[in-house]
């Protein structure tokens, strides 16, 4: 039990946890960019279809 506590309190654990959180945050940023691009594209296509109807 003490070994687990020592690891959780260690800089190595903090570094690993920070790496995971940073990666998750970066993935969210990329997904948000992709979602916004797709929304802009769908808005543009909707305007084209509405104007041709």
Protein backbone atom coordinates (compact mmCIF):
# COMPACT_ATOMS: atom_id res chain seq x y z
CA UNK A 1 0.00 0.00 0.00
CA UNK A 2 2.85 2.34 0.79
CA UNK A 3 4.37 1.75 -2.65
CA UNK A 4 1.13 2.89 -4.30
CA UNK A 5 1.00 5.99 -2.13
CA UNK A 6 4.63 6.77 -2.92
CA UNK A 7 3.97 6.41 -6.66
CA UNK A 8 0.84 8.60 -6.57
CA UNK A 9 2.81 11.29 -4.72
CA UNK A 10 5.76 11.06 -7.11
CA UNK A 11 6.64 13.50 -9.89
CA UNK A 12 6.48 10.60 -12.37
CA UNK A 13 2.79 10.06 -11.63
CA UNK A 14 2.05 13.78 -11.88
CA UNK A 15 3.88 13.88 -15.23
CA UNK A 16 1.92 10.90 -16.60
CA UNK A 17 -1.39 12.31 -15.43
CA UNK A 18 -0.59 15.72 -16.93
CA UNK A 19 0.30 14.05 -20.24
CA UNK A 20 -3.06 12.26 -20.31
CA UNK A 21 -4.98 15.44 -19.49
CA UNK A 22 -3.04 17.47 -22.06
CA UNK A 23 -3.75 14.86 -24.73
CA UNK A 24 -7.47 14.84 -23.90
CA UNK A 25 -7.59 18.63 -24.07
CA UNK A 26 -5.83 18.63 -27.44
CA UNK A 27 -8.24 16.03 -28.79
CA UNK A 28 -11.19 18.18 -27.66
CA UNK A 29 -9.72 21.23 -29.40
CA UNK A 30 -9.28 19.25 -32.62
CA UNK A 31 -12.81 17.84 -32.43
CA UNK A 32 -14.24 21.31 -31.82
CA UNK A 33 -12.38 22.63 -34.87
CA UNK A 34 -13.66 19.76 -37.00
CA UNK A 35 -17.23 20.22 -35.74
CA UNK A 36 -17.13 23.95 -36.48
CA UNK A 37 -15.77 23.31 -39.98
CA UNK A 38 -18.51 20.78 -40.67
CA UNK A 39 -21.17 23.16 -39.37
CA UNK A 40 -19.88 25.93 -41.63
CA UNK A 41 -19.86 23.53 -44.57
CA UNK A 42 -23.40 22.33 -43.85
CA UNK A 43 -24.61 25.93 -43.50
CA UNK A 44 -23.03 26.75 -46.87
CA UNK A 45 -24.64 23.72 -48.51
CA UNK A 46 -28.01 24.55 -46.99
CA UNK A 47 -27.81 28.05 -48.49
CA UNK A 48 -27.00 26.58 -51.90
CA UNK A 49 -29.90 24.09 -51.77
CA UNK A 50 -32.38 26.70 -50.53
CA UNK A 51 -31.38 29.21 -53.19
CA UNK A 52 -31.82 26.63 -55.97
CA UNK A 53 -35.26 25.54 -54.78
